[in-house]
Amino acid sequence: VQLQASGGGLVQPGGSLRLSCAASGFTFGSRQMGWYRQAPGKQHELVASISSVGSAYYVDSAKGRFTISRDDAKNTVYLHMNNLKPEDTAVYYCNAFPPYTGYWGQGTLVTVSS
């Protein structure tokens, strides 16, 4: 299993980012996928997930601001984030849902700060 997240960066509060994650080593199209984040000193937490047929789920803090999508032809899952807040600062990872334990990849850092 390989999961390569990208697209993070430094953004001001209220800004937007689009994260991408390329997956390989498993049957991507048949798996529910998730975006997770890990703030310093905390465990991974689910932010959003998308089923193999495109049904999306968001945690309350992401509803109305984040959009998860997938492209099965590219084995890629995306997270569009709008109206970013300082509390969104974290390293973001993609993984299956439930996650492949120990296969988090390096993640991509999102820093929301003025």
PDB file of N, CA and C in Angstrom:
ATOM      1  N   VAL A   1       0.856  -1.194   0.000  1.00  0.00           N
ATOM      2  CA  VAL A   1       0.000   0.000   0.000  1.00  0.00           C
ATOM      3  C   VAL A   1       0.890   1.242   0.000  1.00  0.00           C
ATOM      4  N   GLN A   2       0.592   2.152  -0.934  1.00  0.00           N
ATOM      5  CA  GLN A   2       1.286   3.438  -0.965  1.00  0.00           C
ATOM      6  C   GLN A   2       0.266   4.547  -1.087  1.00  0.00           C
ATOM      7  N   LEU A   3       0.450   5.585  -0.273  1.00  0.00           N
ATOM      8  CA  LEU A   3      -0.464   6.710  -0.239  1.00  0.00           C
ATOM      9  C   LEU A   3       0.372   7.979  -0.228  1.00  0.00           C
ATOM     10  N   GLN A   4       0.243   8.801  -1.249  1.00  0.00           N
ATOM     11  CA  GLN A   4       1.063   9.990  -1.397  1.00  0.00           C
ATOM     12  C   GLN A   4       0.162  11.222  -1.447  1.00  0.00           C
ATOM     13  N   ALA A   5       0.130  11.952  -0.359  1.00  0.00           N
ATOM     14  CA  ALA A   5      -0.672  13.164  -0.277  1.00  0.00           C
ATOM     15  C   ALA A   5       0.152  14.376  -0.685  1.00  0.00           C
ATOM     16  N   SER A   6      -0.500  15.354  -1.297  1.00  0.00           N
ATOM     17  CA  SER A   6       0.173  16.582  -1.721  1.00  0.00           C
ATOM     18  C   SER A   6      -0.824  17.727  -1.751  1.00  0.00           C
ATOM     19  N   GLY A   7      -0.297  18.946  -1.898  1.00  0.00           N
ATOM     20  CA  GLY A   7      -1.153  20.111  -2.050  1.00  0.00           C
ATOM     21  C   GLY A   7      -1.250  21.013  -0.837  1.00  0.00           C
ATOM     22  N   GLY A   8      -0.610  20.639   0.244  1.00  0.00           N
ATOM     23  CA  GLY A   8      -0.666  21.471   1.436  1.00  0.00           C
ATOM     24  C   GLY A   8       0.165  22.725   1.287  1.00  0.00           C
ATOM     25  N   GLY A   9       0.105  23.582   2.300  1.00  0.00           N
ATOM     26  CA  GLY A   9       0.877  24.809   2.272  1.00  0.00           C
ATOM     27  C   GLY A   9       0.427  25.765   3.347  1.00  0.00           C
ATOM     28  N   LEU A  10       0.939  26.970   3.264  1.00  0.00           N
ATOM     29  CA  LEU A  10       0.579  28.030   4.199  1.00  0.00           C
ATOM     30  C   LEU A  10      -0.516  28.880   3.564  1.00  0.00           C
ATOM     31  N   VAL A  11      -1.607  29.063   4.272  1.00  0.00           N
ATOM     32  CA  VAL A  11      -2.720  29.840   3.755  1.00  0.00           C
ATOM     33  C   VAL A  11      -3.279  30.711   4.875  1.00  0.00           C
ATOM     34  N   GLN A  12      -3.799  31.863   4.507  1.00  0.00           N
ATOM     35  CA  GLN A  12      -4.392  32.760   5.492  1.00  0.00           C
ATOM     36  C   GLN A  12      -5.785  32.264   5.884  1.00  0.00           C
ATOM     37  N   PRO A  13      -6.253  32.625   7.048  1.00  0.00           N
ATOM     38  CA  PRO A  13      -7.632  32.272   7.423  1.00  0.00           C
ATOM     39  C   PRO A  13      -8.619  32.748   6.366  1.00  0.00           C
ATOM     40  N   GLY A  14      -9.564  31.906   6.045  1.00  0.00           N
ATOM     41  CA  GLY A  14     -10.529  32.197   4.989  1.00  0.00           C
ATOM     42  C   GLY A  14     -10.086  31.721   3.614  1.00  0.00           C
ATOM     43  N   GLY A  15      -8.852  31.268   3.500  1.00  0.00           N
ATOM     44  CA  GLY A  15      -8.338  30.815   2.219  1.00  0.00           C
ATOM     45  C   GLY A  15      -8.752  29.401   1.866  1.00  0.00           C
ATOM     46  N   SER A  16      -8.259  28.937   0.715  1.00  0.00           N
ATOM     47  CA  SER A  16      -8.635  27.618   0.199  1.00  0.00           C
ATOM     48  C   SER A  16      -7.400  26.837  -0.232  1.00  0.00           C
ATOM     49  N   LEU A  17      -7.540  25.527  -0.186  1.00  0.00           N
ATOM     50  CA  LEU A  17      -6.519  24.627  -0.696  1.00  0.00           C
ATOM     51  C   LEU A  17      -7.204  23.409  -1.294  1.00  0.00           C
ATOM     52  N   ARG A  18      -6.534  22.763  -2.239  1.00  0.00           N
ATOM     53  CA  ARG A  18      -7.001  21.483  -2.747  1.00  0.00           C
ATOM     54  C   ARG A  18      -5.900  20.454  -2.524  1.00  0.00           C
ATOM     55  N   LEU A  19      -6.213  19.443  -1.765  1.00  0.00           N
ATOM     56  CA  LEU A  19      -5.286  18.348  -1.504  1.00  0.00           C
ATOM     57  C   LEU A  19      -5.569  17.193  -2.460  1.00  0.00           C
ATOM     58  N   SER A  20      -4.502  16.502  -2.845  1.00  0.00           N
ATOM     59  CA  SER A  20      -4.623  15.314  -3.693  1.00  0.00           C
ATOM     60  C   SER A  20      -3.902  14.155  -3.019  1.00  0.00           C
ATOM     61  N   CYS A  21      -4.361  12.953  -3.294  1.00  0.00           N
ATOM     62  CA  CYS A  21      -3.689  11.774  -2.748  1.00  0.00           C
ATOM     63  C   CYS A  21      -3.742  10.662  -3.774  1.00  0.00           C
ATOM     64  N   ALA A  22      -2.563  10.239  -4.214  1.00  0.00           N
ATOM     65  CA  ALA A  22      -2.448   9.132  -5.156  1.00  0.00           C
ATOM     66  C   ALA A  22      -2.247   7.839  -4.379  1.00  0.00           C
ATOM     67  N   ALA A  23      -3.046   6.839  -4.711  1.00  0.00           N
ATOM     68  CA  ALA A  23      -3.013   5.570  -3.988  1.00  0.00           C
ATOM     69  C   ALA A  23      -2.614   4.430  -4.909  1.00  0.00           C
ATOM     70  N   SER A  24      -1.942   3.443  -4.351  1.00  0.00           N
ATOM     71  CA  SER A  24      -1.581   2.255  -5.113  1.00  0.00           C
ATOM     72  C   SER A  24      -1.399   1.084  -4.170  1.00  0.00           C
ATOM     73  N   GLY A  25      -1.391  -0.112  -4.735  1.00  0.00           N
ATOM     74  CA  GLY A  25      -1.143  -1.301  -3.938  1.00  0.00           C
ATOM     75  C   GLY A  25      -2.383  -1.986  -3.419  1.00  0.00           C
ATOM     76  N   PHE A  26      -3.538  -1.477  -3.784  1.00  0.00           N
ATOM     77  CA  PHE A  26      -4.791  -2.119  -3.409  1.00  0.00           C
ATOM     78  C   PHE A  26      -5.839  -1.739  -4.447  1.00  0.00           C
ATOM     79  N   THR A  27      -6.984  -2.382  -4.369  1.00  0.00           N
ATOM     80  CA  THR A  27      -8.042  -2.138  -5.353  1.00  0.00           C
ATOM     81  C   THR A  27      -8.774  -0.863  -4.973  1.00  0.00           C
ATOM     82  N   PHE A  28      -8.256   0.264  -5.465  1.00  0.00           N
ATOM     83  CA  PHE A  28      -8.730   1.576  -5.058  1.00  0.00           C
ATOM     84  C   PHE A  28     -10.235   1.737  -5.294  1.00  0.00           C
ATOM     85  N   GLY A  29     -10.698   1.360  -6.454  1.00  0.00           N
ATOM     86  CA  GLY A  29     -12.084   1.619  -6.831  1.00  0.00           C
ATOM     87  C   GLY A  29     -13.110   0.936  -5.953  1.00  0.00           C
ATOM     88  N   SER A  30     -12.722  -0.094  -5.245  1.00  0.00           N
ATOM     89  CA  SER A  30     -13.671  -0.829  -4.416  1.00  0.00           C
ATOM     90  C   SER A  30     -13.606  -0.433  -2.951  1.00  0.00           C
ATOM     91  N   ARG A  31     -12.714   0.495  -2.611  1.00  0.00           N
ATOM     92  CA  ARG A  31     -12.529   0.876  -1.214  1.00  0.00           C
ATOM     93  C   ARG A  31     -13.109   2.243  -0.904  1.00  0.00           C
ATOM     94  N   GLN A  32     -13.729   2.322   0.255  1.00  0.00           N
ATOM     95  CA  GLN A  32     -14.092   3.621   0.795  1.00  0.00           C
ATOM     96  C   GLN A  32     -12.799   4.312   1.201  1.00  0.00           C
ATOM     97  N   MET A  33     -12.672   5.594   0.874  1.00  0.00           N
ATOM     98  CA  MET A  33     -11.446   6.337   1.151  1.00  0.00           C
ATOM     99  C   MET A  33     -11.741   7.489   2.105  1.00  0.00           C
ATOM    100  N   GLY A  34     -10.716   7.880   2.839  1.00  0.00           N
ATOM    101  CA  GLY A  34     -10.892   8.962   3.795  1.00  0.00           C
ATOM    102  C   GLY A  34      -9.729   9.927   3.797  1.00  0.00           C
ATOM    103  N   TRP A  35     -10.012  11.144   4.199  1.00  0.00           N
ATOM    104  CA  TRP A  35      -8.971  12.117   4.527  1.00  0.00           C
ATOM    105  C   TRP A  35      -8.949  12.247   6.049  1.00  0.00           C
ATOM    106  N   TYR A  36      -7.757  12.225   6.569  1.00  0.00           N
ATOM    107  CA  TYR A  36      -7.544  12.316   8.004  1.00  0.00           C
ATOM    108  C   TYR A  36      -6.564  13.460   8.268  1.00  0.00           C
ATOM    109  N   ARG A  37      -6.527  13.931   9.487  1.00  0.00           N
ATOM    110  CA  ARG A  37      -5.522  14.910   9.847  1.00  0.00           C
ATOM    111  C   ARG A  37      -4.997  14.609  11.247  1.00  0.00           C
ATOM    112  N   GLN A  38      -3.774  15.065  11.448  1.00  0.00           N
ATOM    113  CA  GLN A  38      -3.124  14.869  12.739  1.00  0.00           C
ATOM    114  C   GLN A  38      -2.468  16.174  13.155  1.00  0.00           C
ATOM    115  N   ALA A  39      -3.005  16.759  14.211  1.00  0.00           N
ATOM    116  CA  ALA A  39      -2.419  17.960  14.794  1.00  0.00           C
ATOM    117  C   ALA A  39      -1.303  17.538  15.754  1.00  0.00           C
ATOM    118  N   PRO A  40      -0.370  18.445  16.052  1.00  0.00           N
ATOM    119  CA  PRO A  40       0.734  18.092  16.956  1.00  0.00           C
ATOM    120  C   PRO A  40       0.239  17.539  18.284  1.00  0.00           C
ATOM    121  N   GLY A  41       0.788  16.398  18.665  1.00  0.00           N
ATOM    122  CA  GLY A  41       0.433  15.791  19.929  1.00  0.00           C
ATOM    123  C   GLY A  41      -0.892  15.052  19.954  1.00  0.00           C
ATOM    124  N   LYS A  42      -1.531  14.939  18.800  1.00  0.00           N
ATOM    125  CA  LYS A  42      -2.833  14.272  18.753  1.00  0.00           C
ATOM    126  C   LYS A  42      -2.794  13.083  17.802  1.00  0.00           C
ATOM    127  N   GLN A  43      -3.818  12.253  17.896  1.00  0.00           N
ATOM    128  CA  GLN A  43      -3.925  11.111  17.011  1.00  0.00           C
ATOM    129  C   GLN A  43      -4.584  11.516  15.695  1.00  0.00           C
ATOM    130  N   HIS A  44      -4.487  10.633  14.730  1.00  0.00           N
ATOM    131  CA  HIS A  44      -5.186  10.852  13.461  1.00  0.00           C
ATOM    132  C   HIS A  44      -6.682  10.957  13.713  1.00  0.00           C
ATOM    133  N   GLU A  45      -7.319  11.911  13.061  1.00  0.00           N
ATOM    134  CA  GLU A  45      -8.774  12.014  13.139  1.00  0.00           C
ATOM    135  C   GLU A  45      -9.350  12.089  11.726  1.00  0.00           C
ATOM    136  N   LEU A  46     -10.467  11.424  11.528  1.00  0.00           N
ATOM    137  CA  LEU A  46     -11.139  11.451  10.244  1.00  0.00           C
ATOM    138  C   LEU A  46     -11.719  12.833   9.998  1.00  0.00           C
ATOM    139  N   VAL A  47     -11.543  13.326   8.780  1.00  0.00           N
ATOM    140  CA  VAL A  47     -12.129  14.603   8.370  1.00  0.00           C
ATOM    141  C   VAL A  47     -13.310  14.364   7.430  1.00  0.00           C
ATOM    142  N   ALA A  48     -13.121  13.476   6.457  1.00  0.00           N
ATOM    143  CA  ALA A  48     -14.164  13.192   5.475  1.00  0.00           C
ATOM    144  C   ALA A  48     -13.895  11.822   4.866  1.00  0.00           C
ATOM    145  N   SER A  49     -14.936  11.192   4.390  1.00  0.00           N
ATOM    146  CA  SER A  49     -14.775   9.921   3.690  1.00  0.00           C
ATOM    147  C   SER A  49     -15.698   9.893   2.483  1.00  0.00           C
ATOM    148  N   ILE A  50     -15.357   9.021   1.541  1.00  0.00           N
ATOM    149  CA  ILE A  50     -16.176   8.879   0.337  1.00  0.00           C
ATOM    150  C   ILE A  50     -16.238   7.401  -0.017  1.00  0.00           C
ATOM    151  N   SER A  51     -17.448   6.922  -0.273  1.00  0.00           N
ATOM    152  CA  SER A  51     -17.629   5.511  -0.572  1.00  0.00           C
ATOM    153  C   SER A  51     -17.219   5.209  -2.009  1.00  0.00           C
ATOM    154  N   SER A  52     -17.235   3.945  -2.354  1.00  0.00           N
ATOM    155  CA  SER A  52     -16.864   3.539  -3.702  1.00  0.00           C
ATOM    156  C   SER A  52     -17.858   4.034  -4.740  1.00  0.00           C
ATOM    157  N   VAL A  53     -19.051   4.399  -4.289  1.00  0.00           N
ATOM    158  CA  VAL A  53     -20.056   4.913  -5.229  1.00  0.00           C
ATOM    159  C   VAL A  53     -20.233   6.420  -5.083  1.00  0.00           C
ATOM    160  N   GLY A  54     -19.351   7.051  -4.313  1.00  0.00           N
ATOM    161  CA  GLY A  54     -19.332   8.504  -4.256  1.00  0.00           C
ATOM    162  C   GLY A  54     -20.122   9.161  -3.143  1.00  0.00           C
ATOM    163  N   SER A  55     -20.636   8.394  -2.215  1.00  0.00           N
ATOM    164  CA  SER A  55     -21.342   8.991  -1.084  1.00  0.00           C
ATOM    165  C   SER A  55     -20.336   9.556  -0.090  1.00  0.00           C
ATOM    166  N   ALA A  56     -20.527  10.804   0.287  1.00  0.00           N
ATOM    167  CA  ALA A  56     -19.562  11.501   1.142  1.00  0.00           C
ATOM    168  C   ALA A  56     -20.078  11.661   2.564  1.00  0.00           C
ATOM    169  N   TYR A  57     -19.138  11.649   3.485  1.00  0.00           N
ATOM    170  CA  TYR A  57     -19.406  11.902   4.901  1.00  0.00           C
ATOM    171  C   TYR A  57     -18.392  12.928   5.390  1.00  0.00           C
ATOM    172  N   TYR A  58     -18.861  13.848   6.236  1.00  0.00           N
ATOM    173  CA  TYR A  58     -17.983  14.861   6.799  1.00  0.00           C
ATOM    174  C   TYR A  58     -18.184  14.949   8.298  1.00  0.00           C
ATOM    175  N   VAL A  59     -17.091  15.173   9.018  1.00  0.00           N
ATOM    176  CA  VAL A  59     -17.247  15.472  10.423  1.00  0.00           C
ATOM    177  C   VAL A  59     -17.829  16.876  10.530  1.00  0.00           C
ATOM    178  N   ASP A  60     -18.421  17.190  11.679  1.00  0.00           N
ATOM    179  CA  ASP A  60     -19.135  18.453  11.822  1.00  0.00           C
ATOM    180  C   ASP A  60     -18.260  19.665  11.484  1.00  0.00           C
ATOM    181  N   SER A  61     -17.006  19.640  11.871  1.00  0.00           N
ATOM    182  CA  SER A  61     -16.132  20.801  11.650  1.00  0.00           C
ATOM    183  C   SER A  61     -15.826  21.020  10.178  1.00  0.00           C
ATOM    184  N   ALA A  62     -16.046  20.019   9.344  1.00  0.00           N
ATOM    185  CA  ALA A  62     -15.739  20.115   7.911  1.00  0.00           C
ATOM    186  C   ALA A  62     -16.989  20.388   7.061  1.00  0.00           C
ATOM    187  N   LYS A  63     -18.141  20.170   7.614  1.00  0.00           N
ATOM    188  CA  LYS A  63     -19.376  20.333   6.837  1.00  0.00           C
ATOM    189  C   LYS A  63     -19.529  21.761   6.336  1.00  0.00           C
ATOM    190  N   GLY A  64     -19.856  21.882   5.050  1.00  0.00           N
ATOM    191  CA  GLY A  64     -20.064  23.194   4.453  1.00  0.00           C
ATOM    192  C   GLY A  64     -18.791  23.895   4.017  1.00  0.00           C
ATOM    193  N   ARG A  65     -17.628  23.356   4.395  1.00  0.00           N
ATOM    194  CA  ARG A  65     -16.362  23.983   4.025  1.00  0.00           C
ATOM    195  C   ARG A  65     -15.489  23.063   3.173  1.00  0.00           C
ATOM    196  N   PHE A  66     -15.538  21.770   3.429  1.00  0.00           N
ATOM    197  CA  PHE A  66     -14.682  20.810   2.724  1.00  0.00           C
ATOM    198  C   PHE A  66     -15.518  19.963   1.769  1.00  0.00           C
ATOM    199  N   THR A  67     -14.914  19.559   0.659  1.00  0.00           N
ATOM    200  CA  THR A  67     -15.547  18.653  -0.291  1.00  0.00           C
ATOM    201  C   THR A  67     -14.570  17.554  -0.674  1.00  0.00           C
ATOM    202  N   ILE A  68     -14.981  16.316  -0.467  1.00  0.00           N
ATOM    203  CA  ILE A  68     -14.153  15.174  -0.843  1.00  0.00           C
ATOM    204  C   ILE A  68     -14.651  14.621  -2.174  1.00  0.00           C
ATOM    205  N   SER A  69     -13.724  14.208  -3.015  1.00  0.00           N
ATOM    206  CA  SER A  69     -14.090  13.616  -4.300  1.00  0.00           C
ATOM    207  C   SER A  69     -13.032  12.582  -4.681  1.00  0.00           C
ATOM    208  N   ARG A  70     -13.338  11.792  -5.677  1.00  0.00           N
ATOM    209  CA  ARG A  70     -12.397  10.754  -6.099  1.00  0.00           C
ATOM    210  C   ARG A  70     -12.426  10.589  -7.609  1.00  0.00           C
ATOM    211  N   ASP A  71     -11.302  10.153  -8.146  1.00  0.00           N
ATOM    212  CA  ASP A  71     -11.183   9.826  -9.560  1.00  0.00           C
ATOM    213  C   ASP A  71     -10.608   8.419  -9.619  1.00  0.00           C
ATOM    214  N   ASP A  72     -11.454   7.438  -9.826  1.00  0.00           N
ATOM    215  CA  ASP A  72     -11.016   6.051  -9.797  1.00  0.00           C
ATOM    216  C   ASP A  72     -10.098   5.722 -10.975  1.00  0.00           C
ATOM    217  N   ALA A  73     -10.221   6.445 -12.082  1.00  0.00           N
ATOM    218  CA  ALA A  73      -9.342   6.215 -13.224  1.00  0.00           C
ATOM    219  C   ALA A  73      -7.903   6.594 -12.894  1.00  0.00           C
ATOM    220  N   LYS A  74      -7.749   7.524 -11.948  1.00  0.00           N
ATOM    221  CA  LYS A  74      -6.408   7.984 -11.557  1.00  0.00           C
ATOM    222  C   LYS A  74      -5.991   7.465 -10.189  1.00  0.00           C
ATOM    223  N   ASN A  75      -6.841   6.646  -9.570  1.00  0.00           N
ATOM    224  CA  ASN A  75      -6.561   6.170  -8.206  1.00  0.00           C
ATOM    225  C   ASN A  75      -6.218   7.336  -7.281  1.00  0.00           C
ATOM    226  N   THR A  76      -7.011   8.385  -7.360  1.00  0.00           N
ATOM    227  CA  THR A  76      -6.722   9.608  -6.623  1.00  0.00           C
ATOM    228  C   THR A  76      -7.969  10.089  -5.884  1.00  0.00           C
ATOM    229  N   VAL A  77      -7.745  10.562  -4.674  1.00  0.00           N
ATOM    230  CA  VAL A  77      -8.818  11.166  -3.894  1.00  0.00           C
ATOM    231  C   VAL A  77      -8.413  12.613  -3.588  1.00  0.00           C
ATOM    232  N   TYR A  78      -9.399  13.494  -3.579  1.00  0.00           N
ATOM    233  CA  TYR A  78      -9.149  14.922  -3.411  1.00  0.00           C
ATOM    234  C   TYR A  78      -9.901  15.455  -2.189  1.00  0.00           C
ATOM    235  N   LEU A  79      -9.378  16.564  -1.651  1.00  0.00           N
ATOM    236  CA  LEU A  79     -10.089  17.276  -0.597  1.00  0.00           C
ATOM    237  C   LEU A  79      -9.978  18.761  -0.899  1.00  0.00           C
ATOM    238  N   HIS A  80     -11.111  19.355  -1.263  1.00  0.00           N
ATOM    239  CA  HIS A  80     -11.175  20.786  -1.472  1.00  0.00           C
ATOM    240  C   HIS A  80     -11.562  21.425  -0.144  1.00  0.00           C
ATOM    241  N   MET A  81     -10.748  22.355   0.300  1.00  0.00           N
ATOM    242  CA  MET A  81     -10.985  22.996   1.591  1.00  0.00           C
ATOM    243  C   MET A  81     -11.161  24.492   1.393  1.00  0.00           C
ATOM    244  N   ASN A  82     -12.286  25.005   1.820  1.00  0.00           N
ATOM    245  CA  ASN A  82     -12.592  26.428   1.733  1.00  0.00           C
ATOM    246  C   ASN A  82     -12.750  27.010   3.130  1.00  0.00           C
ATOM    247  N   ASN A  83     -12.671  28.330   3.209  1.00  0.00           N
ATOM    248  CA  ASN A  83     -12.865  29.023   4.478  1.00  0.00           C
ATOM    249  C   ASN A  83     -12.027  28.382   5.594  1.00  0.00           C
ATOM    250  N   LEU A  84     -10.767  28.211   5.314  1.00  0.00           N
ATOM    251  CA  LEU A  84      -9.894  27.541   6.275  1.00  0.00           C
ATOM    252  C   LEU A  84      -9.725  28.361   7.540  1.00  0.00           C
ATOM    253  N   LYS A  85      -9.602  27.662   8.661  1.00  0.00           N
ATOM    254  CA  LYS A  85      -9.480  28.277   9.974  1.00  0.00           C
ATOM    255  C   LYS A  85      -8.161  27.830  10.624  1.00  0.00           C
ATOM    256  N   PRO A  86      -7.636  28.608  11.548  1.00  0.00           N
ATOM    257  CA  PRO A  86      -6.390  28.195  12.218  1.00  0.00           C
ATOM    258  C   PRO A  86      -6.469  26.795  12.833  1.00  0.00           C
ATOM    259  N   GLU A  87      -7.634  26.413  13.300  1.00  0.00           N
ATOM    260  CA  GLU A  87      -7.778  25.081  13.909  1.00  0.00           C
ATOM    261  C   GLU A  87      -7.737  23.952  12.884  1.00  0.00           C
ATOM    262  N   ASP A  88      -7.700  24.290  11.591  1.00  0.00           N
ATOM    263  CA  ASP A  88      -7.527  23.269  10.551  1.00  0.00           C
ATOM    264  C   ASP A  88      -6.048  22.915  10.353  1.00  0.00           C
ATOM    265  N   THR A  89      -5.168  23.648  11.008  1.00  0.00           N
ATOM    266  CA  THR A  89      -3.737  23.385  10.881  1.00  0.00           C
ATOM    267  C   THR A  89      -3.408  21.982  11.366  1.00  0.00           C
ATOM    268  N   ALA A  90      -2.767  21.196  10.485  1.00  0.00           N
ATOM    269  CA  ALA A  90      -2.439  19.803  10.790  1.00  0.00           C
ATOM    270  C   ALA A  90      -1.716  19.202   9.592  1.00  0.00           C
ATOM    271  N   VAL A  91      -1.200  18.011   9.770  1.00  0.00           N
ATOM    272  CA  VAL A  91      -0.728  17.207   8.647  1.00  0.00           C
ATOM    273  C   VAL A  91      -1.905  16.369   8.172  1.00  0.00           C
ATOM    274  N   TYR A  92      -2.186  16.444   6.890  1.00  0.00           N
ATOM    275  CA  TYR A  92      -3.321  15.751   6.307  1.00  0.00           C
ATOM    276  C   TYR A  92      -2.853  14.508   5.564  1.00  0.00           C
ATOM    277  N   TYR A  93      -3.574  13.419   5.760  1.00  0.00           N
ATOM    278  CA  TYR A  93      -3.266  12.130   5.157  1.00  0.00           C
ATOM    279  C   TYR A  93      -4.527  11.564   4.501  1.00  0.00           C
ATOM    280  N   CYS A  94      -4.333  10.754   3.488  1.00  0.00           N
ATOM    281  CA  CYS A  94      -5.435   9.948   3.000  1.00  0.00           C
ATOM    282  C   CYS A  94      -5.149   8.493   3.365  1.00  0.00           C
ATOM    283  N   ASN A  95      -6.191   7.722   3.434  1.00  0.00           N
ATOM    284  CA  ASN A  95      -6.088   6.303   3.710  1.00  0.00           C
ATOM    285  C   ASN A  95      -7.442   5.704   3.387  1.00  0.00           C
ATOM    286  N   ALA A  96      -7.500   4.412   3.377  1.00  0.00           N
ATOM    287  CA  ALA A  96      -8.797   3.775   3.233  1.00  0.00           C
ATOM    288  C   ALA A  96      -9.609   4.066   4.498  1.00  0.00           C
ATOM    289  N   PHE A  97     -10.915   3.796   4.435  1.00  0.00           N
ATOM    290  CA  PHE A  97     -11.761   3.904   5.610  1.00  0.00           C
ATOM    291  C   PHE A  97     -12.503   2.595   5.767  1.00  0.00           C
ATOM    292  N   PRO A  98     -12.261   1.858   6.857  1.00  0.00           N
ATOM    293  CA  PRO A  98     -11.279   2.139   7.901  1.00  0.00           C
ATOM    294  C   PRO A  98      -9.856   2.071   7.375  1.00  0.00           C
ATOM    295  N   PRO A  99      -8.923   2.709   8.052  1.00  0.00           N
ATOM    296  CA  PRO A  99      -7.584   2.870   7.499  1.00  0.00           C
ATOM    297  C   PRO A  99      -6.738   1.600   7.536  1.00  0.00           C
ATOM    298  N   TYR A 100      -5.832   1.497   6.561  1.00  0.00           N
ATOM    299  CA  TYR A 100      -4.790   0.489   6.611  1.00  0.00           C
ATOM    300  C   TYR A 100      -3.808   0.918   7.702  1.00  0.00           C
ATOM    301  N   THR A 101      -3.806   0.199   8.785  1.00  0.00           N
ATOM    302  CA  THR A 101      -2.957   0.568   9.914  1.00  0.00           C
ATOM    303  C   THR A 101      -1.496   0.523   9.521  1.00  0.00           C
ATOM    304  N   GLY A 102      -0.768   1.612   9.818  1.00  0.00           N
ATOM    305  CA  GLY A 102       0.660   1.663   9.548  1.00  0.00           C
ATOM    306  C   GLY A 102       1.020   2.104   8.148  1.00  0.00           C
ATOM    307  N   TYR A 103       0.024   2.440   7.337  1.00  0.00           N
ATOM    308  CA  TYR A 103       0.286   2.855   5.952  1.00  0.00           C
ATOM    309  C   TYR A 103      -0.208   4.275   5.739  1.00  0.00           C
ATOM    310  N   TRP A 104       0.301   5.216   6.503  1.00  0.00           N
ATOM    311  CA  TRP A 104      -0.178   6.593   6.413  1.00  0.00           C
ATOM    312  C   TRP A 104       0.544   7.428   5.376  1.00  0.00           C
ATOM    313  N   GLY A 105       1.714   7.009   4.934  1.00  0.00           N
ATOM    314  CA  GLY A 105       2.473   7.865   4.038  1.00  0.00           C
ATOM    315  C   GLY A 105       3.001   9.071   4.784  1.00  0.00           C
ATOM    316  N   GLN A 106       3.543  10.038   4.058  1.00  0.00           N
ATOM    317  CA  GLN A 106       4.176  11.180   4.722  1.00  0.00           C
ATOM    318  C   GLN A 106       3.212  12.320   4.978  1.00  0.00           C
ATOM    319  N   GLY A 107       2.044  12.319   4.371  1.00  0.00           N
ATOM    320  CA  GLY A 107       1.083  13.383   4.590  1.00  0.00           C
ATOM    321  C   GLY A 107       1.505  14.689   3.956  1.00  0.00           C
ATOM    322  N   THR A 108       0.636  15.683   4.083  1.00  0.00           N
ATOM    323  CA  THR A 108       0.931  17.025   3.562  1.00  0.00           C
ATOM    324  C   THR A 108       0.504  18.041   4.612  1.00  0.00           C
ATOM    325  N   LEU A 109       1.392  18.978   4.911  1.00  0.00           N
ATOM    326  CA  LEU A 109       1.161  19.928   5.991  1.00  0.00           C
ATOM    327  C   LEU A 109       0.309  21.097   5.521  1.00  0.00           C
ATOM    328  N   VAL A 110      -0.733  21.365   6.266  1.00  0.00           N
ATOM    329  CA  VAL A 110      -1.581  22.537   6.043  1.00  0.00           C
ATOM    330  C   VAL A 110      -1.429  23.458   7.253  1.00  0.00           C
ATOM    331  N   THR A 111      -1.017  24.678   6.981  1.00  0.00           N
ATOM    332  CA  THR A 111      -0.856  25.675   8.042  1.00  0.00           C
ATOM    333  C   THR A 111      -1.741  26.861   7.722  1.00  0.00           C
ATOM    334  N   VAL A 112      -2.654  27.161   8.619  1.00  0.00           N
ATOM    335  CA  VAL A 112      -3.571  28.286   8.437  1.00  0.00           C
ATOM    336  C   VAL A 112      -3.185  29.365   9.440  1.00  0.00           C
ATOM    337  N   SER A 113      -2.641  30.447   8.920  1.00  0.00           N
ATOM    338  CA  SER A 113      -2.130  31.500   9.796  1.00  0.00           C
ATOM    339  C   SER A 113      -2.051  32.807   9.026  1.00  0.00           C
ATOM    340  N   SER A 114      -2.262  33.887   9.760  1.00  0.00           N
ATOM    341  CA  SER A 114      -2.112  35.211   9.153  1.00  0.00           C
ATOM    342  C   SER A 114      -0.707  35.745   9.384  1.00  0.00           C
TER     343      SER A 114
END
